[in-house]
Amino acid sequence: SEFAMDWGYIATEGNRLYGSAVRQGTSWTSF
């Protein structure tokens, strides 16, 4: 992809790490 990515979803179960990739700067950070 032409887009850089950030971590989105993240979880572990057993010996597996599940995650999702979101486009950089997408996640909400301001409250």
PDB file of all heavy atoms in Angstrom:
ATOM      1  N   SER A   1       0.842  -1.191   0.000  1.00  0.00           N
ATOM      2  CA  SER A   1       0.000   0.000   0.000  1.00  0.00           C
ATOM      3  C   SER A   1       0.876   1.239   0.000  1.00  0.00           C
ATOM      4  O   SER A   1       2.022   1.210   0.473  1.00  0.00           O
ATOM      5  CB  SER A   1      -0.923   0.007   1.226  1.00  0.00           C
ATOM      6  OG  SER A   1      -1.597   1.234   1.353  1.00  0.00           O
ATOM      7  N   GLU A   2       0.323   2.307  -0.501  1.00  0.00           N
ATOM      8  CA  GLU A   2       1.037   3.582  -0.472  1.00  0.00           C
ATOM      9  C   GLU A   2       0.963   4.225   0.904  1.00  0.00           C
ATOM     10  O   GLU A   2       1.639   5.212   1.178  1.00  0.00           O
ATOM     11  CB  GLU A   2       0.439   4.534  -1.512  1.00  0.00           C
ATOM     12  CG  GLU A   2      -1.031   4.858  -1.250  1.00  0.00           C
ATOM     13  CD  GLU A   2      -1.637   5.757  -2.307  1.00  0.00           C
ATOM     14  OE1 GLU A   2      -1.204   6.926  -2.399  1.00  0.00           O
ATOM     15  OE2 GLU A   2      -2.530   5.288  -3.024  1.00  0.00           O
ATOM     16  N   PHE A   3       0.128   3.671   1.789  1.00  0.00           N
ATOM     17  CA  PHE A   3      -0.095   4.267   3.102  1.00  0.00           C
ATOM     18  C   PHE A   3       0.743   3.567   4.169  1.00  0.00           C
ATOM     19  O   PHE A   3       0.819   2.339   4.223  1.00  0.00           O
ATOM     20  CB  PHE A   3      -1.572   4.170   3.492  1.00  0.00           C
ATOM     21  CG  PHE A   3      -2.498   4.890   2.550  1.00  0.00           C
ATOM     22  CD1 PHE A   3      -3.148   4.199   1.535  1.00  0.00           C
ATOM     23  CD2 PHE A   3      -2.714   6.248   2.675  1.00  0.00           C
ATOM     24  CE1 PHE A   3      -3.999   4.852   0.659  1.00  0.00           C
ATOM     25  CE2 PHE A   3      -3.562   6.913   1.806  1.00  0.00           C
ATOM     26  CZ  PHE A   3      -4.207   6.212   0.794  1.00  0.00           C
ATOM     27  N   ALA A   4       1.341   4.356   5.059  1.00  0.00           N
ATOM     28  CA  ALA A   4       1.968   3.803   6.256  1.00  0.00           C
ATOM     29  C   ALA A   4       0.871   3.405   7.229  1.00  0.00           C
ATOM     30  O   ALA A   4      -0.221   3.977   7.222  1.00  0.00           O
ATOM     31  CB  ALA A   4       2.893   4.835   6.882  1.00  0.00           C
ATOM     32  N   MET A   5       1.160   2.405   8.070  1.00  0.00           N
ATOM     33  CA  MET A   5       0.129   1.836   8.928  1.00  0.00           C
ATOM     34  C   MET A   5       0.484   1.926  10.412  1.00  0.00           C
ATOM     35  O   MET A   5       1.659   1.902  10.791  1.00  0.00           O
ATOM     36  CB  MET A   5      -0.106   0.364   8.566  1.00  0.00           C
ATOM     37  CG  MET A   5      -0.679   0.141   7.171  1.00  0.00           C
ATOM     38  SD  MET A   5      -2.398   0.695   7.051  1.00  0.00           S
ATOM     39  CE  MET A   5      -2.746   0.333   5.321  1.00  0.00           C
ATOM     40  N   ASP A   6      -0.552   2.040  11.242  1.00  0.00           N
ATOM     41  CA  ASP A   6      -0.444   1.945  12.695  1.00  0.00           C
ATOM     42  C   ASP A   6      -1.145   0.673  13.167  1.00  0.00           C
ATOM     43  O   ASP A   6      -1.960   0.098  12.445  1.00  0.00           O
ATOM     44  CB  ASP A   6      -1.137   3.141  13.377  1.00  0.00           C
ATOM     45  CG  ASP A   6      -0.396   4.441  13.178  1.00  0.00           C
ATOM     46  OD1 ASP A   6       0.832   4.410  12.992  1.00  0.00           O
ATOM     47  OD2 ASP A   6      -1.054   5.496  13.220  1.00  0.00           O
ATOM     48  N   TRP A   7      -0.835   0.273  14.407  1.00  0.00           N
ATOM     49  CA  TRP A   7      -1.602  -0.804  15.035  1.00  0.00           C
ATOM     50  C   TRP A   7      -3.014  -0.310  15.331  1.00  0.00           C
ATOM     51  O   TRP A   7      -3.211   0.822  15.776  1.00  0.00           O
ATOM     52  CB  TRP A   7      -0.944  -1.246  16.338  1.00  0.00           C
ATOM     53  CG  TRP A   7       0.270  -2.087  16.152  1.00  0.00           C
ATOM     54  CD1 TRP A   7       1.539  -1.648  15.921  1.00  0.00           C
ATOM     55  CD2 TRP A   7       0.328  -3.515  16.172  1.00  0.00           C
ATOM     56  NE1 TRP A   7       2.396  -2.723  15.795  1.00  0.00           N
ATOM     57  CE2 TRP A   7       1.680  -3.880  15.943  1.00  0.00           C
ATOM     58  CE3 TRP A   7      -0.613  -4.520  16.366  1.00  0.00           C
ATOM     59  CZ2 TRP A   7       2.104  -5.211  15.909  1.00  0.00           C
ATOM     60  CZ3 TRP A   7      -0.191  -5.841  16.320  1.00  0.00           C
ATOM     61  CH2 TRP A   7       1.145  -6.177  16.086  1.00  0.00           C
ATOM     62  N   GLY A   8      -4.003  -1.181  15.116  1.00  0.00           N
ATOM     63  CA  GLY A   8      -5.388  -0.879  15.481  1.00  0.00           C
ATOM     64  C   GLY A   8      -5.805  -1.817  16.597  1.00  0.00           C
ATOM     65  O   GLY A   8      -5.449  -1.645  17.748  1.00  0.00           O
ATOM     66  N   TYR A   9      -6.542  -2.854  16.247  1.00  0.00           N
ATOM     67  CA  TYR A   9      -6.942  -3.894  17.204  1.00  0.00           C
ATOM     68  C   TYR A   9      -5.717  -4.705  17.607  1.00  0.00           C
ATOM     69  O   TYR A   9      -4.806  -4.936  16.805  1.00  0.00           O
ATOM     70  CB  TYR A   9      -7.980  -4.802  16.539  1.00  0.00           C
ATOM     71  CG  TYR A   9      -8.408  -5.990  17.354  1.00  0.00           C
ATOM     72  CD1 TYR A   9      -9.444  -5.891  18.282  1.00  0.00           C
ATOM     73  CD2 TYR A   9      -7.797  -7.236  17.189  1.00  0.00           C
ATOM     74  CE1 TYR A   9      -9.856  -6.995  19.016  1.00  0.00           C
ATOM     75  CE2 TYR A   9      -8.198  -8.345  17.921  1.00  0.00           C
ATOM     76  CZ  TYR A   9      -9.227  -8.222  18.835  1.00  0.00           C
ATOM     77  OH  TYR A   9      -9.634  -9.305  19.556  1.00  0.00           O
ATOM     78  N   ILE A  10      -5.694  -5.164  18.875  1.00  0.00           N
ATOM     79  CA  ILE A  10      -4.620  -6.061  19.317  1.00  0.00           C
ATOM     80  C   ILE A  10      -5.145  -6.948  20.436  1.00  0.00           C
ATOM     81  O   ILE A  10      -5.863  -6.485  21.328  1.00  0.00           O
ATOM     82  CB  ILE A  10      -3.359  -5.281  19.771  1.00  0.00           C
ATOM     83  CG1 ILE A  10      -2.234  -6.228  20.128  1.00  0.00           C
ATOM     84  CG2 ILE A  10      -3.684  -4.359  20.933  1.00  0.00           C
ATOM     85  CD1 ILE A  10      -0.893  -5.550  20.309  1.00  0.00           C
ATOM     86  N   ALA A  11      -4.833  -8.249  20.354  1.00  0.00           N
ATOM     87  CA  ALA A  11      -5.249  -9.203  21.387  1.00  0.00           C
ATOM     88  C   ALA A  11      -4.377 -10.441  21.278  1.00  0.00           C
ATOM     89  O   ALA A  11      -3.806 -10.724  20.217  1.00  0.00           O
ATOM     90  CB  ALA A  11      -6.718  -9.588  21.215  1.00  0.00           C
ATOM     91  N   THR A  12      -4.258 -11.169  22.371  1.00  0.00           N
ATOM     92  CA  THR A  12      -3.537 -12.444  22.343  1.00  0.00           C
ATOM     93  C   THR A  12      -4.460 -13.560  22.811  1.00  0.00           C
ATOM     94  O   THR A  12      -5.343 -13.350  23.650  1.00  0.00           O
ATOM     95  CB  THR A  12      -2.294 -12.427  23.252  1.00  0.00           C
ATOM     96  OG1 THR A  12      -2.691 -12.142  24.602  1.00  0.00           O
ATOM     97  CG2 THR A  12      -1.285 -11.403  22.778  1.00  0.00           C
ATOM     98  N   GLU A  13      -4.245 -14.728  22.258  1.00  0.00           N
ATOM     99  CA  GLU A  13      -4.915 -15.935  22.725  1.00  0.00           C
ATOM    100  C   GLU A  13      -3.955 -17.098  22.505  1.00  0.00           C
ATOM    101  O   GLU A  13      -3.568 -17.386  21.372  1.00  0.00           O
ATOM    102  CB  GLU A  13      -6.234 -16.173  21.981  1.00  0.00           C
ATOM    103  CG  GLU A  13      -6.992 -17.382  22.522  1.00  0.00           C
ATOM    104  CD  GLU A  13      -8.436 -17.426  22.081  1.00  0.00           C
ATOM    105  OE1 GLU A  13      -9.061 -16.368  21.956  1.00  0.00           O
ATOM    106  OE2 GLU A  13      -8.926 -18.546  21.867  1.00  0.00           O
ATOM    107  N   GLY A  14      -3.563 -17.744  23.608  1.00  0.00           N
ATOM    108  CA  GLY A  14      -2.572 -18.802  23.500  1.00  0.00           C
ATOM    109  C   GLY A  14      -1.257 -18.245  22.973  1.00  0.00           C
ATOM    110  O   GLY A  14      -0.743 -17.238  23.465  1.00  0.00           O
ATOM    111  N   ASN A  15      -0.727 -18.881  21.938  1.00  0.00           N
ATOM    112  CA  ASN A  15       0.557 -18.445  21.370  1.00  0.00           C
ATOM    113  C   ASN A  15       0.366 -17.579  20.141  1.00  0.00           C
ATOM    114  O   ASN A  15       1.272 -17.455  19.314  1.00  0.00           O
ATOM    115  CB  ASN A  15       1.411 -19.670  21.016  1.00  0.00           C
ATOM    116  CG  ASN A  15       0.802 -20.485  19.888  1.00  0.00           C
ATOM    117  OD1 ASN A  15      -0.398 -20.381  19.628  1.00  0.00           O
ATOM    118  ND2 ASN A  15       1.614 -21.303  19.243  1.00  0.00           N
ATOM    119  N   ARG A  16      -0.806 -16.949  20.019  1.00  0.00           N
ATOM    120  CA  ARG A  16      -1.090 -16.144  18.842  1.00  0.00           C
ATOM    121  C   ARG A  16      -1.404 -14.697  19.213  1.00  0.00           C
ATOM    122  O   ARG A  16      -2.069 -14.437  20.213  1.00  0.00           O
ATOM    123  CB  ARG A  16      -2.247 -16.749  18.042  1.00  0.00           C
ATOM    124  CG  ARG A  16      -1.847 -18.088  17.433  1.00  0.00           C
ATOM    125  CD  ARG A  16      -3.009 -18.811  16.798  1.00  0.00           C
ATOM    126  NE  ARG A  16      -2.549 -20.115  16.319  1.00  0.00           N
ATOM    127  CZ  ARG A  16      -2.356 -20.429  15.042  1.00  0.00           C
ATOM    128  NH1 ARG A  16      -2.615 -19.527  14.104  1.00  0.00           N
ATOM    129  NH2 ARG A  16      -1.925 -21.612  14.691  1.00  0.00           N
ATOM    130  N   LEU A  17      -0.872 -13.803  18.394  1.00  0.00           N
ATOM    131  CA  LEU A  17      -1.115 -12.377  18.551  1.00  0.00           C
ATOM    132  C   LEU A  17      -1.968 -11.912  17.372  1.00  0.00           C
ATOM    133  O   LEU A  17      -1.558 -12.064  16.213  1.00  0.00           O
ATOM    134  CB  LEU A  17       0.205 -11.607  18.569  1.00  0.00           C
ATOM    135  CG  LEU A  17       0.115 -10.076  18.513  1.00  0.00           C
ATOM    136  CD1 LEU A  17      -0.481  -9.523  19.800  1.00  0.00           C
ATOM    137  CD2 LEU A  17       1.493  -9.469  18.262  1.00  0.00           C
ATOM    138  N   TYR A  18      -3.133 -11.393  17.664  1.00  0.00           N
ATOM    139  CA  TYR A  18      -4.028 -10.901  16.620  1.00  0.00           C
ATOM    140  C   TYR A  18      -3.954  -9.379  16.569  1.00  0.00           C
ATOM    141  O   TYR A  18      -3.863  -8.711  17.605  1.00  0.00           O
ATOM    142  CB  TYR A  18      -5.468 -11.331  16.904  1.00  0.00           C
ATOM    143  CG  TYR A  18      -5.660 -12.827  16.879  1.00  0.00           C
ATOM    144  CD1 TYR A  18      -5.732 -13.556  18.067  1.00  0.00           C
ATOM    145  CD2 TYR A  18      -5.751 -13.508  15.669  1.00  0.00           C
ATOM    146  CE1 TYR A  18      -5.903 -14.936  18.040  1.00  0.00           C
ATOM    147  CE2 TYR A  18      -5.921 -14.888  15.639  1.00  0.00           C
ATOM    148  CZ  TYR A  18      -5.987 -15.591  16.823  1.00  0.00           C
ATOM    149  OH  TYR A  18      -6.149 -16.955  16.795  1.00  0.00           O
ATOM    150  N   GLY A  19      -3.994  -8.838  15.363  1.00  0.00           N
ATOM    151  CA  GLY A  19      -3.931  -7.397  15.219  1.00  0.00           C
ATOM    152  C   GLY A  19      -4.621  -6.932  13.955  1.00  0.00           C
ATOM    153  O   GLY A  19      -5.032  -7.729  13.108  1.00  0.00           O
ATOM    154  N   SER A  20      -4.741  -5.614  13.847  1.00  0.00           N
ATOM    155  CA  SER A  20      -5.252  -5.016  12.617  1.00  0.00           C
ATOM    156  C   SER A  20      -4.396  -3.803  12.281  1.00  0.00           C
ATOM    157  O   SER A  20      -3.772  -3.196  13.157  1.00  0.00           O
ATOM    158  CB  SER A  20      -6.721  -4.620  12.751  1.00  0.00           C
ATOM    159  OG  SER A  20      -6.874  -3.451  13.528  1.00  0.00           O
ATOM    160  N   ALA A  21      -4.357  -3.465  10.993  1.00  0.00           N
ATOM    161  CA  ALA A  21      -3.567  -2.337  10.513  1.00  0.00           C
ATOM    162  C   ALA A  21      -4.483  -1.206  10.085  1.00  0.00           C
ATOM    163  O   ALA A  21      -5.392  -1.407   9.261  1.00  0.00           O
ATOM    164  CB  ALA A  21      -2.692  -2.772   9.336  1.00  0.00           C
ATOM    165  N   VAL A  22      -4.285  -0.025  10.666  1.00  0.00           N
ATOM    166  CA  VAL A  22      -5.059   1.158  10.289  1.00  0.00           C
ATOM    167  C   VAL A  22      -4.103   2.189   9.686  1.00  0.00           C
ATOM    168  O   VAL A  22      -2.923   2.233  10.025  1.00  0.00           O
ATOM    169  CB  VAL A  22      -5.797   1.781  11.498  1.00  0.00           C
ATOM    170  CG1 VAL A  22      -6.783   0.803  12.098  1.00  0.00           C
ATOM    171  CG2 VAL A  22      -4.821   2.253  12.557  1.00  0.00           C
ATOM    172  N   ARG A  23      -4.616   2.977   8.787  1.00  0.00           N
ATOM    173  CA  ARG A  23      -3.773   3.983   8.143  1.00  0.00           C
ATOM    174  C   ARG A  23      -3.267   4.980   9.179  1.00  0.00           C
ATOM    175  O   ARG A  23      -3.995   5.412  10.077  1.00  0.00           O
ATOM    176  CB  ARG A  23      -4.552   4.679   7.036  1.00  0.00           C
ATOM    177  CG  ARG A  23      -4.884   3.727   5.907  1.00  0.00           C
ATOM    178  CD  ARG A  23      -5.553   4.386   4.726  1.00  0.00           C
ATOM    179  NE  ARG A  23      -5.903   3.379   3.730  1.00  0.00           N
ATOM    180  CZ  ARG A  23      -6.498   3.645   2.570  1.00  0.00           C
ATOM    181  NH1 ARG A  23      -6.810   4.901   2.256  1.00  0.00           N
ATOM    182  NH2 ARG A  23      -6.784   2.673   1.724  1.00  0.00           N
ATOM    183  N   GLN A  24      -2.023   5.333   9.064  1.00  0.00           N
ATOM    184  CA  GLN A  24      -1.349   6.171  10.056  1.00  0.00           C
ATOM    185  C   GLN A  24      -2.120   7.475  10.279  1.00  0.00           C
ATOM    186  O   GLN A  24      -2.546   8.138   9.338  1.00  0.00           O
ATOM    187  CB  GLN A  24       0.065   6.484   9.587  1.00  0.00           C
ATOM    188  CG  GLN A  24       1.032   6.781  10.705  1.00  0.00           C
ATOM    189  CD  GLN A  24       2.464   6.741  10.218  1.00  0.00           C
ATOM    190  OE1 GLN A  24       2.933   7.688   9.603  1.00  0.00           O
ATOM    191  NE2 GLN A  24       3.153   5.634  10.476  1.00  0.00           N
ATOM    192  N   GLY A  25      -2.302   7.805  11.573  1.00  0.00           N
ATOM    193  CA  GLY A  25      -3.004   9.031  11.933  1.00  0.00           C
ATOM    194  C   GLY A  25      -4.510   8.915  11.965  1.00  0.00           C
ATOM    195  O   GLY A  25      -5.200   9.915  12.183  1.00  0.00           O
ATOM    196  N   THR A  26      -5.038   7.698  11.782  1.00  0.00           N
ATOM    197  CA  THR A  26      -6.496   7.517  11.734  1.00  0.00           C
ATOM    198  C   THR A  26      -7.126   7.463  13.123  1.00  0.00           C
ATOM    199  O   THR A  26      -8.182   8.039  13.357  1.00  0.00           O
ATOM    200  CB  THR A  26      -6.850   6.230  10.966  1.00  0.00           C
ATOM    201  OG1 THR A  26      -6.414   6.347   9.616  1.00  0.00           O
ATOM    202  CG2 THR A  26      -8.350   5.991  10.974  1.00  0.00           C
ATOM    203  N   SER A  27      -6.506   6.765  14.048  1.00  0.00           N
ATOM    204  CA  SER A  27      -7.114   6.529  15.365  1.00  0.00           C
ATOM    205  C   SER A  27      -7.357   7.835  16.110  1.00  0.00           C
ATOM    206  O   SER A  27      -6.594   8.801  15.979  1.00  0.00           O
ATOM    207  CB  SER A  27      -6.213   5.617  16.204  1.00  0.00           C
ATOM    208  OG  SER A  27      -6.077   4.357  15.593  1.00  0.00           O
ATOM    209  N   TRP A  28      -8.419   7.846  16.907  1.00  0.00           N
ATOM    210  CA  TRP A  28      -8.739   9.023  17.719  1.00  0.00           C
ATOM    211  C   TRP A  28      -7.753   9.147  18.864  1.00  0.00           C
ATOM    212  O   TRP A  28      -7.489   8.181  19.571  1.00  0.00           O
ATOM    213  CB  TRP A  28     -10.166   8.923  18.278  1.00  0.00           C
ATOM    214  CG  TRP A  28     -11.223   8.861  17.234  1.00  0.00           C
ATOM    215  CD1 TRP A  28     -11.993   7.777  16.898  1.00  0.00           C
ATOM    216  CD2 TRP A  28     -11.636   9.931  16.372  1.00  0.00           C
ATOM    217  NE1 TRP A  28     -12.853   8.089  15.876  1.00  0.00           N
ATOM    218  CE2 TRP A  28     -12.649   9.409  15.525  1.00  0.00           C
ATOM    219  CE3 TRP A  28     -11.243  11.247  16.203  1.00  0.00           C
ATOM    220  CZ2 TRP A  28     -13.284  10.173  14.551  1.00  0.00           C
ATOM    221  CZ3 TRP A  28     -11.870  12.007  15.230  1.00  0.00           C
ATOM    222  CH2 TRP A  28     -12.871  11.480  14.429  1.00  0.00           C
ATOM    223  N   THR A  29      -7.192  10.332  19.054  1.00  0.00           N
ATOM    224  CA  THR A  29      -6.240  10.556  20.137  1.00  0.00           C
ATOM    225  C   THR A  29      -6.607  11.754  21.004  1.00  0.00           C
ATOM    226  O   THR A  29      -6.083  11.909  22.103  1.00  0.00           O
ATOM    227  CB  THR A  29      -4.817  10.775  19.582  1.00  0.00           C
ATOM    228  OG1 THR A  29      -4.832  11.884  18.668  1.00  0.00           O
ATOM    229  CG2 THR A  29      -4.328   9.527  18.851  1.00  0.00           C
ATOM    230  N   SER A  30      -7.488  12.618  20.543  1.00  0.00           N
ATOM    231  CA  SER A  30      -7.830  13.820  21.307  1.00  0.00           C
ATOM    232  C   SER A  30      -9.106  13.596  22.112  1.00  0.00           C
ATOM    233  O   SER A  30     -10.093  13.075  21.604  1.00  0.00           O
ATOM    234  CB  SER A  30      -8.037  15.010  20.361  1.00  0.00           C
ATOM    235  OG  SER A  30      -8.485  16.142  21.079  1.00  0.00           O
ATOM    236  N   PHE A  31      -9.068  13.988  23.386  1.00  0.00           N
ATOM    237  CA  PHE A  31     -10.265  13.888  24.201  1.00  0.00           C
ATOM    238  C   PHE A  31     -10.641  15.227  24.837  1.00  0.00           C
ATOM    239  O   PHE A  31     -11.512  15.302  25.686  1.00  0.00           O
ATOM    240  CB  PHE A  31     -10.099  12.829  25.305  1.00  0.00           C
ATOM    241  CG  PHE A  31      -8.865  13.003  26.147  1.00  0.00           C
ATOM    242  CD1 PHE A  31      -8.877  13.805  27.266  1.00  0.00           C
ATOM    243  CD2 PHE A  31      -7.695  12.346  25.804  1.00  0.00           C
ATOM    244  CE1 PHE A  31      -7.738  13.960  28.040  1.00  0.00           C
ATOM    245  CE2 PHE A  31      -6.541  12.493  26.583  1.00  0.00           C
ATOM    246  CZ  PHE A  31      -6.569  13.304  27.703  1.00  0.00           C
TER     247      PHE A  31
END
